[in-house]
């Protein structure tokens, strides 16, 4: 798999608790991909993309480094991205 729907990836990476929440977050304009606002939950992201998510009280900047077929626990979700705010690249 070299691409995945944006809403599905956000859910698998545990950025949000439900896939519908991910779709609403994207549709409301709170997600950017490589600096460009994305409003389509079905937008395909690829490895190396930088996803910026504006949540309630914070902003997360994540580099896509993997995809998952299913949503797993927090440890398996953590390997799907590098947190660029935490100084890890």
PDB file of N, CA and C in Angstrom:
ATOM      1  N   UNK A   1       0.848  -1.174   0.000  1.00  0.00           N
ATOM      2  CA  UNK A   1       0.000   0.000   0.000  1.00  0.00           C
ATOM      3  C   UNK A   1       0.896   1.240   0.000  1.00  0.00           C
ATOM      4  N   UNK A   2       0.720   2.100  -0.992  1.00  0.00           N
ATOM      5  CA  UNK A   2       1.550   3.302  -1.067  1.00  0.00           C
ATOM      6  C   UNK A   2       0.748   4.580  -0.846  1.00  0.00           C
ATOM      7  N   UNK A   3      -0.561   4.457  -0.737  1.00  0.00           N
ATOM      8  CA  UNK A   3      -1.435   5.603  -0.457  1.00  0.00           C
ATOM      9  C   UNK A   3      -2.590   5.150   0.425  1.00  0.00           C
ATOM     10  N   UNK A   4      -3.185   6.130   1.124  1.00  0.00           N
ATOM     11  CA  UNK A   4      -4.340   5.822   1.963  1.00  0.00           C
ATOM     12  C   UNK A   4      -5.197   7.077   2.093  1.00  0.00           C
ATOM     13  N   UNK A   5      -6.496   6.873   2.275  1.00  0.00           N
ATOM     14  CA  UNK A   5      -7.404   8.001   2.495  1.00  0.00           C
ATOM     15  C   UNK A   5      -6.975   8.771   3.732  1.00  0.00           C
ATOM     16  N   UNK A   6      -7.067  10.083   3.662  1.00  0.00           N
ATOM     17  CA  UNK A   6      -6.658  10.940   4.767  1.00  0.00           C
ATOM     18  C   UNK A   6      -7.441  10.643   6.050  1.00  0.00           C
ATOM     19  N   UNK A   7      -8.770  10.537   5.954  1.00  0.00           N
ATOM     20  CA  UNK A   7      -9.562  10.294   7.159  1.00  0.00           C
ATOM     21  C   UNK A   7      -9.234   8.940   7.789  1.00  0.00           C
ATOM     22  N   UNK A   8      -8.992   7.952   6.961  1.00  0.00           N
ATOM     23  CA  UNK A   8      -8.648   6.614   7.461  1.00  0.00           C
ATOM     24  C   UNK A   8      -7.287   6.634   8.159  1.00  0.00           C
ATOM     25  N   UNK A   9      -6.321   7.337   7.570  1.00  0.00           N
ATOM     26  CA  UNK A   9      -4.996   7.415   8.182  1.00  0.00           C
ATOM     27  C   UNK A   9      -5.045   8.137   9.526  1.00  0.00           C
ATOM     28  N   UNK A  10      -5.783   9.250   9.596  1.00  0.00           N
ATOM     29  CA  UNK A  10      -5.908   9.978  10.864  1.00  0.00           C
ATOM     30  C   UNK A  10      -6.503   9.090  11.953  1.00  0.00           C
ATOM     31  N   UNK A  11      -7.452   8.258  11.582  1.00  0.00           N
ATOM     32  CA  UNK A  11      -8.086   7.342  12.537  1.00  0.00           C
ATOM     33  C   UNK A  11      -7.107   6.238  12.938  1.00  0.00           C
ATOM     34  N   UNK A  12      -6.422   5.642  11.977  1.00  0.00           N
ATOM     35  CA  UNK A  12      -5.448   4.589  12.276  1.00  0.00           C
ATOM     36  C   UNK A  12      -4.295   5.112  13.120  1.00  0.00           C
ATOM     37  N   UNK A  13      -3.887   6.352  12.901  1.00  0.00           N
ATOM     38  CA  UNK A  13      -2.791   6.956  13.660  1.00  0.00           C
ATOM     39  C   UNK A  13      -3.263   7.453  15.026  1.00  0.00           C
ATOM     40  N   UNK A  14      -4.537   7.266  15.316  1.00  0.00           N
ATOM     41  CA  UNK A  14      -5.137   7.648  16.595  1.00  0.00           C
ATOM     42  C   UNK A  14      -5.056   9.142  16.887  1.00  0.00           C
ATOM     43  N   UNK A  15      -5.142   9.947  15.839  1.00  0.00           N
ATOM     44  CA  UNK A  15      -5.228  11.393  16.013  1.00  0.00           C
ATOM     45  C   UNK A  15      -6.628  11.745  16.517  1.00  0.00           C
ATOM     46  N   UNK A  16      -7.624  10.961  16.074  1.00  0.00           N
ATOM     47  CA  UNK A  16      -9.013  11.118  16.497  1.00  0.00           C
ATOM     48  C   UNK A  16      -9.550   9.768  16.946  1.00  0.00           C
ATOM     49  N   UNK A  17     -10.677   9.788  17.659  1.00  0.00           N
ATOM     50  CA  UNK A  17     -11.231   8.542  18.203  1.00  0.00           C
ATOM     51  C   UNK A  17     -12.124   7.790  17.228  1.00  0.00           C
ATOM     52  N   UNK A  18     -12.688   8.506  16.241  1.00  0.00           N
ATOM     53  CA  UNK A  18     -13.601   7.855  15.293  1.00  0.00           C
ATOM     54  C   UNK A  18     -13.306   8.348  13.881  1.00  0.00           C
ATOM     55  N   UNK A  19     -13.552   7.486  12.923  1.00  0.00           N
ATOM     56  CA  UNK A  19     -13.289   7.867  11.532  1.00  0.00           C
ATOM     57  C   UNK A  19     -14.213   8.994  11.088  1.00  0.00           C
ATOM     58  N   UNK A  20     -15.446   9.001  11.589  1.00  0.00           N
ATOM     59  CA  UNK A  20     -16.355  10.099  11.246  1.00  0.00           C
ATOM     60  C   UNK A  20     -15.826  11.425  11.794  1.00  0.00           C
ATOM     61  N   UNK A  21     -15.200  11.383  12.951  1.00  0.00           N
ATOM     62  CA  UNK A  21     -14.592  12.595  13.515  1.00  0.00           C
ATOM     63  C   UNK A  21     -13.453  13.074  12.631  1.00  0.00           C
ATOM     64  N   UNK A  22     -12.694  12.138  12.082  1.00  0.00           N
ATOM     65  CA  UNK A  22     -11.597  12.489  11.178  1.00  0.00           C
ATOM     66  C   UNK A  22     -12.154  13.155   9.926  1.00  0.00           C
ATOM     67  N   UNK A  23     -13.216  12.594   9.374  1.00  0.00           N
ATOM     68  CA  UNK A  23     -13.823  13.154   8.168  1.00  0.00           C
ATOM     69  C   UNK A  23     -14.349  14.564   8.437  1.00  0.00           C
ATOM     70  N   UNK A  24     -14.979  14.776   9.600  1.00  0.00           N
ATOM     71  CA  UNK A  24     -15.498  16.099   9.948  1.00  0.00           C
ATOM     72  C   UNK A  24     -14.361  17.101  10.145  1.00  0.00           C
ATOM     73  N   UNK A  25     -13.277  16.651  10.764  1.00  0.00           N
ATOM     74  CA  UNK A  25     -12.112  17.514  10.993  1.00  0.00           C
ATOM     75  C   UNK A  25     -11.535  18.001   9.664  1.00  0.00           C
ATOM     76  N   UNK A  26     -11.425  17.092   8.710  1.00  0.00           N
ATOM     77  CA  UNK A  26     -10.892  17.443   7.387  1.00  0.00           C
ATOM     78  C   UNK A  26     -11.866  18.357   6.647  1.00  0.00           C
ATOM     79  N   UNK A  27     -13.139  17.984   6.626  1.00  0.00           N
ATOM     80  CA  UNK A  27     -14.141  18.758   5.892  1.00  0.00           C
ATOM     81  C   UNK A  27     -14.288  20.173   6.437  1.00  0.00           C
ATOM     82  N   UNK A  28     -14.035  20.359   7.725  1.00  0.00           N
ATOM     83  CA  UNK A  28     -14.163  21.695   8.316  1.00  0.00           C
ATOM     84  C   UNK A  28     -12.900  22.537   8.135  1.00  0.00           C
ATOM     85  N   UNK A  29     -11.887  21.993   7.459  1.00  0.00           N
ATOM     86  CA  UNK A  29     -10.705  22.776   7.110  1.00  0.00           C
ATOM     87  C   UNK A  29      -9.614  22.831   8.158  1.00  0.00           C
ATOM     88  N   UNK A  30      -9.595  21.876   9.086  1.00  0.00           N
ATOM     89  CA  UNK A  30      -8.601  21.881  10.157  1.00  0.00           C
ATOM     90  C   UNK A  30      -7.372  21.031   9.859  1.00  0.00           C
ATOM     91  N   UNK A  31      -7.245  20.549   8.618  1.00  0.00           N
ATOM     92  CA  UNK A  31      -6.114  19.686   8.260  1.00  0.00           C
ATOM     93  C   UNK A  31      -5.412  20.253   7.024  1.00  0.00           C
ATOM     94  N   UNK A  32      -4.085  20.272   7.094  1.00  0.00           N
ATOM     95  CA  UNK A  32      -3.270  20.681   5.949  1.00  0.00           C
ATOM     96  C   UNK A  32      -2.341  19.534   5.572  1.00  0.00           C
ATOM     97  N   UNK A  33      -2.099  19.400   4.278  1.00  0.00           N
ATOM     98  CA  UNK A  33      -1.152  18.414   3.785  1.00  0.00           C
ATOM     99  C   UNK A  33      -0.069  19.179   3.045  1.00  0.00           C
ATOM    100  N   UNK A  34       1.157  19.037   3.521  1.00  0.00           N
ATOM    101  CA  UNK A  34       2.296  19.760   2.944  1.00  0.00           C
ATOM    102  C   UNK A  34       2.012  21.259   2.838  1.00  0.00           C
ATOM    103  N   UNK A  35       1.322  21.802   3.851  1.00  0.00           N
ATOM    104  CA  UNK A  35       1.053  23.233   3.916  1.00  0.00           C
ATOM    105  C   UNK A  35      -0.189  23.706   3.190  1.00  0.00           C
ATOM    106  N   UNK A  36      -0.875  22.798   2.503  1.00  0.00           N
ATOM    107  CA  UNK A  36      -2.074  23.173   1.751  1.00  0.00           C
ATOM    108  C   UNK A  36      -3.314  22.621   2.441  1.00  0.00           C
ATOM    109  N   UNK A  37      -4.279  23.505   2.699  1.00  0.00           N
ATOM    110  CA  UNK A  37      -5.515  23.079   3.366  1.00  0.00           C
ATOM    111  C   UNK A  37      -6.247  22.041   2.514  1.00  0.00           C
ATOM    112  N   UNK A  38      -6.677  20.969   3.158  1.00  0.00           N
ATOM    113  CA  UNK A  38      -7.391  19.901   2.455  1.00  0.00           C
ATOM    114  C   UNK A  38      -8.786  19.780   3.050  1.00  0.00           C
ATOM    115  N   UNK A  39      -9.801  19.748   2.189  1.00  0.00           N
ATOM    116  CA  UNK A  39     -11.182  19.653   2.676  1.00  0.00           C
ATOM    117  C   UNK A  39     -11.868  18.367   2.243  1.00  0.00           C
ATOM    118  N   UNK A  40     -11.131  17.482   1.576  1.00  0.00           N
ATOM    119  CA  UNK A  40     -11.709  16.213   1.133  1.00  0.00           C
ATOM    120  C   UNK A  40     -11.190  15.068   1.998  1.00  0.00           C
ATOM    121  N   UNK A  41     -12.064  14.429   2.807  1.00  0.00           N
ATOM    122  CA  UNK A  41     -11.631  13.314   3.650  1.00  0.00           C
ATOM    123  C   UNK A  41     -11.061  12.147   2.840  1.00  0.00           C
ATOM    124  N   UNK A  42     -11.440  12.038   1.586  1.00  0.00           N
ATOM    125  CA  UNK A  42     -10.979  10.947   0.741  1.00  0.00           C
ATOM    126  C   UNK A  42      -9.673  11.225   0.021  1.00  0.00           C
ATOM    127  N   UNK A  43      -9.060  12.369   0.286  1.00  0.00           N
ATOM    128  CA  UNK A  43      -7.788  12.711  -0.353  1.00  0.00           C
ATOM    129  C   UNK A  43      -6.750  11.639  -0.023  1.00  0.00           C
ATOM    130  N   UNK A  44      -6.022  11.192  -1.032  1.00  0.00           N
ATOM    131  CA  UNK A  44      -5.015  10.144  -0.826  1.00  0.00           C
ATOM    132  C   UNK A  44      -3.703  10.767  -0.364  1.00  0.00           C
ATOM    133  N   UNK A  45      -3.199  10.305   0.782  1.00  0.00           N
ATOM    134  CA  UNK A  45      -1.897  10.759   1.248  1.00  0.00           C
ATOM    135  C   UNK A  45      -0.878   9.674   0.951  1.00  0.00           C
ATOM    136  N   UNK A  46       0.385  10.094   0.864  1.00  0.00           N
ATOM    137  CA  UNK A  46       1.450   9.146   0.540  1.00  0.00           C
ATOM    138  C   UNK A  46       2.570   9.269   1.562  1.00  0.00           C
ATOM    139  N   UNK A  47       3.488   8.335   1.541  1.00  0.00           N
ATOM    140  CA  UNK A  47       4.627   8.373   2.447  1.00  0.00           C
ATOM    141  C   UNK A  47       5.406   9.661   2.252  1.00  0.00           C
ATOM    142  N   UNK A  48       5.818  10.275   3.340  1.00  0.00           N
ATOM    143  CA  UNK A  48       6.583  11.510   3.269  1.00  0.00           C
ATOM    144  C   UNK A  48       5.746  12.768   3.373  1.00  0.00           C
ATOM    145  N   UNK A  49       4.424  12.662   3.207  1.00  0.00           N
ATOM    146  CA  UNK A  49       3.566  13.836   3.353  1.00  0.00           C
ATOM    147  C   UNK A  49       3.617  14.349   4.784  1.00  0.00           C
ATOM    148  N   UNK A  50       3.517  15.664   4.948  1.00  0.00           N
ATOM    149  CA  UNK A  50       3.455  16.267   6.275  1.00  0.00           C
ATOM    150  C   UNK A  50       2.019  16.714   6.506  1.00  0.00           C
ATOM    151  N   UNK A  51       1.397  16.144   7.547  1.00  0.00           N
ATOM    152  CA  UNK A  51       0.004  16.419   7.871  1.00  0.00           C
ATOM    153  C   UNK A  51      -0.030  17.310   9.115  1.00  0.00           C
ATOM    154  N   UNK A  52      -0.658  18.474   8.985  1.00  0.00           N
ATOM    155  CA  UNK A  52      -0.807  19.396  10.107  1.00  0.00           C
ATOM    156  C   UNK A  52      -2.272  19.397  10.513  1.00  0.00           C
ATOM    157  N   UNK A  53      -2.527  19.095  11.785  1.00  0.00           N
ATOM    158  CA  UNK A  53      -3.890  18.968  12.285  1.00  0.00           C
ATOM    159  C   UNK A  53      -4.105  19.965  13.411  1.00  0.00           C
ATOM    160  N   UNK A  54      -5.117  20.820  13.273  1.00  0.00           N
ATOM    161  CA  UNK A  54      -5.488  21.756  14.331  1.00  0.00           C
ATOM    162  C   UNK A  54      -6.589  21.111  15.160  1.00  0.00           C
ATOM    163  N   UNK A  55      -6.226  20.715  16.382  1.00  0.00           N
ATOM    164  CA  UNK A  55      -7.195  20.118  17.300  1.00  0.00           C
ATOM    165  C   UNK A  55      -7.694  21.190  18.254  1.00  0.00           C
ATOM    166  N   UNK A  56      -8.483  20.819  19.253  1.00  0.00           N
ATOM    167  CA  UNK A  56      -9.095  21.788  20.164  1.00  0.00           C
ATOM    168  C   UNK A  56      -8.100  22.803  20.723  1.00  0.00           C
ATOM    169  N   UNK A  57      -7.084  22.326  21.416  1.00  0.00           N
ATOM    170  CA  UNK A  57      -6.147  23.239  22.067  1.00  0.00           C
ATOM    171  C   UNK A  57      -4.717  23.075  21.591  1.00  0.00           C
ATOM    172  N   UNK A  58      -4.529  22.399  20.475  1.00  0.00           N
ATOM    173  CA  UNK A  58      -3.165  22.161  20.029  1.00  0.00           C
ATOM    174  C   UNK A  58      -3.108  21.978  18.520  1.00  0.00           C
ATOM    175  N   UNK A  59      -1.886  22.001  18.024  1.00  0.00           N
ATOM    176  CA  UNK A  59      -1.637  21.725  16.604  1.00  0.00           C
ATOM    177  C   UNK A  59      -0.616  20.601  16.562  1.00  0.00           C
ATOM    178  N   UNK A  60      -0.894  19.576  15.762  1.00  0.00           N
ATOM    179  CA  UNK A  60       0.041  18.460  15.605  1.00  0.00           C
ATOM    180  C   UNK A  60       0.592  18.470  14.192  1.00  0.00           C
ATOM    181  N   UNK A  61       1.904  18.303  14.080  1.00  0.00           N
ATOM    182  CA  UNK A  61       2.572  18.247  12.777  1.00  0.00           C
ATOM    183  C   UNK A  61       3.191  16.858  12.673  1.00  0.00           C
ATOM    184  N   UNK A  62       2.668  16.052  11.748  1.00  0.00           N
ATOM    185  CA  UNK A  62       3.051  14.648  11.639  1.00  0.00           C
ATOM    186  C   UNK A  62       3.534  14.325  10.234  1.00  0.00           C
ATOM    187  N   UNK A  63       4.647  13.618  10.139  1.00  0.00           N
ATOM    188  CA  UNK A  63       5.150  13.153   8.845  1.00  0.00           C
ATOM    189  C   UNK A  63       4.719  11.703   8.666  1.00  0.00           C
ATOM    190  N   UNK A  64       4.064  11.411   7.559  1.00  0.00           N
ATOM    191  CA  UNK A  64       3.556  10.071   7.289  1.00  0.00           C
ATOM    192  C   UNK A  64       4.727   9.138   6.970  1.00  0.00           C
ATOM    193  N   UNK A  65       4.898   8.087   7.763  1.00  0.00           N
ATOM    194  CA  UNK A  65       5.978   7.126   7.512  1.00  0.00           C
ATOM    195  C   UNK A  65       5.446   5.701   7.328  1.00  0.00           C
ATOM    196  N   UNK A  66       4.124   5.520   7.449  1.00  0.00           N
ATOM    197  CA  UNK A  66       3.573   4.187   7.259  1.00  0.00           C
ATOM    198  C   UNK A  66       2.064   4.201   7.192  1.00  0.00           C
ATOM    199  N   UNK A  67       1.528   3.058   6.776  1.00  0.00           N
ATOM    200  CA  UNK A  67       0.084   2.863   6.691  1.00  0.00           C
ATOM    201  C   UNK A  67      -0.271   1.574   7.406  1.00  0.00           C
ATOM    202  N   UNK A  68      -1.538   1.447   7.783  1.00  0.00           N
ATOM    203  CA  UNK A  68      -2.007   0.231   8.446  1.00  0.00           C
ATOM    204  C   UNK A  68      -3.285  -0.244   7.771  1.00  0.00           C
ATOM    205  N   UNK A  69      -3.483  -1.541   7.784  1.00  0.00           N
ATOM    206  CA  UNK A  69      -4.713  -2.115   7.243  1.00  0.00           C
ATOM    207  C   UNK A  69      -5.854  -1.964   8.243  1.00  0.00           C
ATOM    208  N   UNK A  70      -5.496  -2.051   9.545  1.00  0.00           N
ATOM    209  CA  UNK A  70      -6.488  -1.972  10.606  1.00  0.00           C
ATOM    210  C   UNK A  70      -6.008  -1.029  11.688  1.00  0.00           C
ATOM    211  N   UNK A  71      -6.958  -0.560  12.486  1.00  0.00           N
ATOM    212  CA  UNK A  71      -6.608   0.313  13.607  1.00  0.00           C
ATOM    213  C   UNK A  71      -6.127  -0.558  14.762  1.00  0.00           C
ATOM    214  N   UNK A  72      -4.942  -0.250  15.247  1.00  0.00           N
ATOM    215  CA  UNK A  72      -4.377  -1.027  16.338  1.00  0.00           C
ATOM    216  C   UNK A  72      -4.280  -0.229  17.616  1.00  0.00           C
ATOM    217  N   UNK A  73      -3.460  -0.723  18.536  1.00  0.00           N
ATOM    218  CA  UNK A  73      -3.262  -0.022  19.798  1.00  0.00           C
ATOM    219  C   UNK A  73      -2.359   1.187  19.594  1.00  0.00           C
ATOM    220  N   UNK A  74      -2.118   1.925  20.673  1.00  0.00           N
ATOM    221  CA  UNK A  74      -1.338   3.163  20.580  1.00  0.00           C
ATOM    222  C   UNK A  74       0.081   2.902  20.078  1.00  0.00           C
ATOM    223  N   UNK A  75       0.680   1.801  20.490  1.00  0.00           N
ATOM    224  CA  UNK A  75       2.054   1.496  20.067  1.00  0.00           C
ATOM    225  C   UNK A  75       2.127   1.249  18.564  1.00  0.00           C
ATOM    226  N   UNK A  76       1.155   0.546  18.010  1.00  0.00           N
ATOM    227  CA  UNK A  76       1.177   0.290  16.566  1.00  0.00           C
ATOM    228  C   UNK A  76       0.812   1.546  15.782  1.00  0.00           C
ATOM    229  N   UNK A  77       0.023   2.428  16.369  1.00  0.00           N
ATOM    230  CA  UNK A  77      -0.317   3.687  15.705  1.00  0.00           C
ATOM    231  C   UNK A  77       0.896   4.608  15.654  1.00  0.00           C
ATOM    232  N   UNK A  78       1.735   4.542  16.665  1.00  0.00           N
ATOM    233  CA  UNK A  78       2.891   5.439  16.782  1.00  0.00           C
ATOM    234  C   UNK A  78       3.914   5.236  15.657  1.00  0.00           C
ATOM    235  N   UNK A  79       3.953   4.061  15.057  1.00  0.00           N
ATOM    236  CA  UNK A  79       4.927   3.805  13.991  1.00  0.00           C
ATOM    237  C   UNK A  79       4.446   4.315  12.623  1.00  0.00           C
ATOM    238  N   UNK A  80       3.241   4.890  12.570  1.00  0.00           N
ATOM    239  CA  UNK A  80       2.705   5.395  11.306  1.00  0.00           C
ATOM    240  C   UNK A  80       3.178   6.809  10.987  1.00  0.00           C
ATOM    241  N   UNK A  81       3.772   7.489  11.986  1.00  0.00           N
ATOM    242  CA  UNK A  81       4.172   8.880  11.776  1.00  0.00           C
ATOM    243  C   UNK A  81       5.378   9.244  12.626  1.00  0.00           C
ATOM    244  N   UNK A  82       6.047  10.323  12.208  1.00  0.00           N
ATOM    245  CA  UNK A  82       7.074  10.983  13.014  1.00  0.00           C
ATOM    246  C   UNK A  82       6.470  12.305  13.460  1.00  0.00           C
ATOM    247  N   UNK A  83       6.544  12.569  14.750  1.00  0.00           N
ATOM    248  CA  UNK A  83       6.039  13.826  15.291  1.00  0.00           C
ATOM    249  C   UNK A  83       7.096  14.900  15.079  1.00  0.00           C
ATOM    250  N   UNK A  84       6.852  15.808  14.164  1.00  0.00           N
ATOM    251  CA  UNK A  84       7.846  16.827  13.822  1.00  0.00           C
ATOM    252  C   UNK A  84       7.950  17.922  14.869  1.00  0.00           C
ATOM    253  N   UNK A  85       6.981  18.042  15.735  1.00  0.00           N
ATOM    254  CA  UNK A  85       7.063  19.025  16.816  1.00  0.00           C
ATOM    255  C   UNK A  85       7.906  18.522  17.968  1.00  0.00           C
ATOM    256  N   UNK A  86       7.988  17.217  18.117  1.00  0.00           N
ATOM    257  CA  UNK A  86       8.763  16.635  19.200  1.00  0.00           C
ATOM    258  C   UNK A  86      10.243  16.586  18.886  1.00  0.00           C
ATOM    259  N   UNK A  87      10.644  17.107  17.734  1.00  0.00           N
ATOM    260  CA  UNK A  87      12.050  17.132  17.353  1.00  0.00           C
ATOM    261  C   UNK A  87      12.514  15.878  16.662  1.00  0.00           C
ATOM    262  N   UNK A  88      11.597  14.921  16.438  1.00  0.00           N
ATOM    263  CA  UNK A  88      11.977  13.693  15.746  1.00  0.00           C
ATOM    264  C   UNK A  88      11.649  13.812  14.279  1.00  0.00           C
ATOM    265  N   UNK A  89      12.600  13.439  13.438  1.00  0.00           N
ATOM    266  CA  UNK A  89      12.356  13.458  11.998  1.00  0.00           C
ATOM    267  C   UNK A  89      12.830  12.179  11.380  1.00  0.00           C
TER     268      UNK A  89
END
